[in-house]
Amino acid sequence: MFRITTRVAIFQVVILLATAGLAWFVWGERPALSAAYGVAVALMVTLLMLARERESEAHSEWTAQRQLGQFFRLEAERFILAGALLALGFLSGKTVPLSLIAGFVVGQLGWLGALIKTRTP
C-alpha cells in the first residue's frame, strides 16, 4: 500500500486531469488551463512534502528536535512555494483568477480523497 503522501499525489494527478477536462468542456481553454495550473500548484506543494518525508526517513539518526525543525522548515517552504506559484499565475495576466483559485482548492481535495479508506470484504 502507498504511503499517505503518495496517495495524495496520485489523487491530485487524477483531479488535475478531471478538472482540466471538465473545465475545458464547460468553459473553454483559458479557464481550463487556469484551473489546471491551480491544481498543479497544489500538486507541487504535495510533491515537496513527499520529498522531505523521504529525506527524513533516510536519516533515522536525526533527533526529535531536528525532526521538528525540519517539519517547521517544510511548512515554511510549502507556504512560500504555494504563495509564489499562485502569485506568478495571477501576475502573468494569462490566467482567469477565479479558475486558478478554484483549481487550487479542488487540488487540495486530494488530501480528503486519500484519507478515505476503502472497505475490504
C-alpha atoms as a PDB file:
ATOM      1  CA  MET A   1       0.000   0.000   0.000  1.00  0.00           C
ATOM      2  CA  PHE A   2       1.189   3.505  -0.746  1.00  0.00           C
ATOM      3  CA  ARG A   3       2.080   5.967   1.983  1.00  0.00           C
ATOM      4  CA  ILE A   4      -0.444   8.737   2.564  1.00  0.00           C
ATOM      5  CA  THR A   5       1.501  11.494   0.786  1.00  0.00           C
ATOM      6  CA  THR A   6       1.982   9.296  -2.276  1.00  0.00           C
ATOM      7  CA  ARG A   7      -1.752   8.565  -2.317  1.00  0.00           C
ATOM      8  CA  VAL A   8      -2.449  12.311  -2.092  1.00  0.00           C
ATOM      9  CA  ALA A   9      -0.173  12.987  -5.070  1.00  0.00           C
ATOM     10  CA  ILE A  10      -1.913  10.265  -7.098  1.00  0.00           C
ATOM     11  CA  PHE A  11      -5.334  11.686  -6.233  1.00  0.00           C
ATOM     12  CA  GLN A  12      -4.149  15.165  -7.180  1.00  0.00           C
ATOM     13  CA  VAL A  13      -2.943  13.972 -10.587  1.00  0.00           C
ATOM     14  CA  VAL A  14      -6.364  12.398 -11.177  1.00  0.00           C
ATOM     15  CA  ILE A  15      -8.034  15.618 -10.015  1.00  0.00           C
ATOM     16  CA  LEU A  16      -5.775  17.630 -12.324  1.00  0.00           C
ATOM     17  CA  LEU A  17      -6.824  15.626 -15.366  1.00  0.00           C
ATOM     18  CA  ALA A  18     -10.507  15.582 -14.419  1.00  0.00           C
ATOM     19  CA  THR A  19     -10.627  19.292 -13.597  1.00  0.00           C
ATOM     20  CA  ALA A  20      -8.849  20.319 -16.769  1.00  0.00           C
ATOM     21  CA  GLY A  21     -11.073  18.119 -18.926  1.00  0.00           C
ATOM     22  CA  LEU A  22     -14.311  19.209 -17.299  1.00  0.00           C
ATOM     23  CA  ALA A  23     -13.393  22.903 -17.307  1.00  0.00           C
ATOM     24  CA  TRP A  24     -12.310  22.673 -20.957  1.00  0.00           C
ATOM     25  CA  PHE A  25     -15.623  21.111 -21.896  1.00  0.00           C
ATOM     26  CA  VAL A  26     -17.737  23.591 -19.898  1.00  0.00           C
ATOM     27  CA  TRP A  27     -15.865  26.917 -20.060  1.00  0.00           C
ATOM     28  CA  GLY A  28     -13.181  26.644 -22.713  1.00  0.00           C
ATOM     29  CA  GLU A  29      -9.428  26.730 -22.979  1.00  0.00           C
ATOM     30  CA  ARG A  30      -8.298  29.653 -20.813  1.00  0.00           C
ATOM     31  CA  PRO A  31     -10.316  28.804 -17.669  1.00  0.00           C
ATOM     32  CA  ALA A  32      -9.371  25.134 -18.067  1.00  0.00           C
ATOM     33  CA  LEU A  33      -5.662  25.934 -18.195  1.00  0.00           C
ATOM     34  CA  SER A  34      -6.046  28.295 -15.231  1.00  0.00           C
ATOM     35  CA  ALA A  35      -7.792  25.605 -13.179  1.00  0.00           C
ATOM     36  CA  ALA A  36      -5.162  23.055 -14.188  1.00  0.00           C
ATOM     37  CA  TYR A  37      -2.439  25.461 -13.073  1.00  0.00           C
ATOM     38  CA  GLY A  38      -4.145  25.820  -9.682  1.00  0.00           C
ATOM     39  CA  VAL A  39      -4.303  22.051  -9.220  1.00  0.00           C
ATOM     40  CA  ALA A  40      -0.674  21.791 -10.356  1.00  0.00           C
ATOM     41  CA  VAL A  41       0.356  24.251  -7.636  1.00  0.00           C
ATOM     42  CA  ALA A  42      -1.342  22.049  -5.028  1.00  0.00           C
ATOM     43  CA  LEU A  43       0.401  19.019  -6.531  1.00  0.00           C
ATOM     44  CA  MET A  44       3.834  20.682  -6.416  1.00  0.00           C
ATOM     45  CA  VAL A  45       3.370  21.535  -2.760  1.00  0.00           C
ATOM     46  CA  THR A  46       2.459  17.905  -2.058  1.00  0.00           C
ATOM     47  CA  LEU A  47       5.483  16.657  -4.004  1.00  0.00           C
ATOM     48  CA  LEU A  48       7.728  18.915  -1.919  1.00  0.00           C
ATOM     49  CA  MET A  49       6.233  17.366   1.201  1.00  0.00           C
ATOM     50  CA  LEU A  50       6.782  13.871  -0.198  1.00  0.00           C
ATOM     51  CA  ALA A  51      10.435  14.641  -0.962  1.00  0.00           C
ATOM     52  CA  ARG A  52      11.055  15.992   2.536  1.00  0.00           C
ATOM     53  CA  GLU A  53       9.287  12.992   4.068  1.00  0.00           C
ATOM     54  CA  ARG A  54      11.566  10.602   2.220  1.00  0.00           C
ATOM     55  CA  GLU A  55      14.604  12.664   3.192  1.00  0.00           C
ATOM     56  CA  SER A  56      13.553  12.449   6.831  1.00  0.00           C
ATOM     57  CA  GLU A  57      13.036   8.687   6.631  1.00  0.00           C
ATOM     58  CA  ALA A  58      16.526   8.277   5.189  1.00  0.00           C
ATOM     59  CA  HIS A  59      18.027   9.905   8.293  1.00  0.00           C
ATOM     60  CA  SER A  60      16.894   7.783  11.217  1.00  0.00           C
ATOM     61  CA  GLU A  61      19.755   9.195  13.278  1.00  0.00           C
ATOM     62  CA  TRP A  62      18.148  12.648  13.445  1.00  0.00           C
ATOM     63  CA  THR A  63      16.934  13.659  16.888  1.00  0.00           C
ATOM     64  CA  ALA A  64      13.327  14.565  17.624  1.00  0.00           C
ATOM     65  CA  GLN A  65      14.372  18.206  17.871  1.00  0.00           C
ATOM     66  CA  ARG A  66      15.966  18.050  14.424  1.00  0.00           C
ATOM     67  CA  GLN A  67      12.872  16.335  13.011  1.00  0.00           C
ATOM     68  CA  LEU A  68      10.655  19.052  14.454  1.00  0.00           C
ATOM     69  CA  GLY A  69      12.912  21.734  12.984  1.00  0.00           C
ATOM     70  CA  GLN A  70      12.695  20.033   9.590  1.00  0.00           C
ATOM     71  CA  PHE A  71       8.900  19.961   9.909  1.00  0.00           C
ATOM     72  CA  PHE A  72       8.736  23.701  10.587  1.00  0.00           C
ATOM     73  CA  ARG A  73      11.117  24.348   7.701  1.00  0.00           C
ATOM     74  CA  LEU A  74       8.938  22.226   5.400  1.00  0.00           C
ATOM     75  CA  GLU A  75       5.817  24.159   6.325  1.00  0.00           C
ATOM     76  CA  ALA A  76       7.571  27.463   5.618  1.00  0.00           C
ATOM     77  CA  GLU A  77       8.805  26.112   2.274  1.00  0.00           C
ATOM     78  CA  ARG A  78       5.322  24.887   1.340  1.00  0.00           C
ATOM     79  CA  PHE A  79       3.757  28.236   2.228  1.00  0.00           C
ATOM     80  CA  ILE A  80       6.354  30.210   0.260  1.00  0.00           C
ATOM     81  CA  LEU A  81       6.181  27.853  -2.744  1.00  0.00           C
ATOM     82  CA  ALA A  82       2.378  27.961  -2.910  1.00  0.00           C
ATOM     83  CA  GLY A  83       2.312  31.740  -2.487  1.00  0.00           C
ATOM     84  CA  ALA A  84       4.996  32.316  -5.111  1.00  0.00           C
ATOM     85  CA  LEU A  85       3.424  29.999  -7.675  1.00  0.00           C
ATOM     86  CA  LEU A  86      -0.061  31.425  -7.145  1.00  0.00           C
ATOM     87  CA  ALA A  87       1.301  34.978  -7.384  1.00  0.00           C
ATOM     88  CA  LEU A  88       3.111  34.034 -10.585  1.00  0.00           C
ATOM     89  CA  GLY A  89      -0.141  32.722 -12.018  1.00  0.00           C
ATOM     90  CA  PHE A  90      -2.085  35.843 -11.009  1.00  0.00           C
ATOM     91  CA  LEU A  91       0.539  38.309 -12.184  1.00  0.00           C
ATOM     92  CA  SER A  92       1.084  36.604 -15.533  1.00  0.00           C
ATOM     93  CA  GLY A  93      -2.162  38.093 -16.805  1.00  0.00           C
ATOM     94  CA  LYS A  94      -2.803  34.917 -18.772  1.00  0.00           C
ATOM     95  CA  THR A  95      -4.975  33.147 -16.215  1.00  0.00           C
ATOM     96  CA  VAL A  96      -8.538  33.521 -15.025  1.00  0.00           C
ATOM     97  CA  PRO A  97      -8.068  34.269 -11.289  1.00  0.00           C
ATOM     98  CA  LEU A  98     -11.277  32.619 -10.112  1.00  0.00           C
ATOM     99  CA  SER A  99     -10.496  29.461 -12.081  1.00  0.00           C
ATOM    100  CA  LEU A 100      -6.952  29.414 -10.726  1.00  0.00           C
ATOM    101  CA  ILE A 101      -8.105  29.649  -7.108  1.00  0.00           C
ATOM    102  CA  ALA A 102     -10.895  27.126  -7.723  1.00  0.00           C
ATOM    103  CA  GLY A 103      -8.336  24.711  -9.181  1.00  0.00           C
ATOM    104  CA  PHE A 104      -6.066  25.171  -6.174  1.00  0.00           C
ATOM    105  CA  VAL A 105      -8.921  24.492  -3.762  1.00  0.00           C
ATOM    106  CA  VAL A 106     -10.087  21.455  -5.740  1.00  0.00           C
ATOM    107  CA  GLY A 107      -6.484  20.230  -5.808  1.00  0.00           C
ATOM    108  CA  GLN A 108      -6.403  20.362  -2.027  1.00  0.00           C
ATOM    109  CA  LEU A 109      -9.341  17.948  -2.005  1.00  0.00           C
ATOM    110  CA  GLY A 110      -6.809  15.276  -2.937  1.00  0.00           C
ATOM    111  CA  TRP A 111      -5.991  15.192   0.758  1.00  0.00           C
ATOM    112  CA  LEU A 112      -9.573  14.206   1.558  1.00  0.00           C
ATOM    113  CA  GLY A 113      -9.680  11.623  -1.204  1.00  0.00           C
ATOM    114  CA  ALA A 114      -6.518   9.967   0.055  1.00  0.00           C
ATOM    115  CA  LEU A 115      -7.884   9.734   3.583  1.00  0.00           C
ATOM    116  CA  ILE A 116     -10.998   7.825   2.563  1.00  0.00           C
ATOM    117  CA  LYS A 117     -10.389   4.222   3.431  1.00  0.00           C
ATOM    118  CA  THR A 118     -11.653   1.602   1.071  1.00  0.00           C
ATOM    119  CA  ARG A 119     -13.595  -1.277   2.546  1.00  0.00           C
ATOM    120  CA  THR A 120     -12.255  -4.747   2.119  1.00  0.00           C
ATOM    121  CA  PRO A 121     -14.703  -7.634   2.460  1.00  0.00           C
END
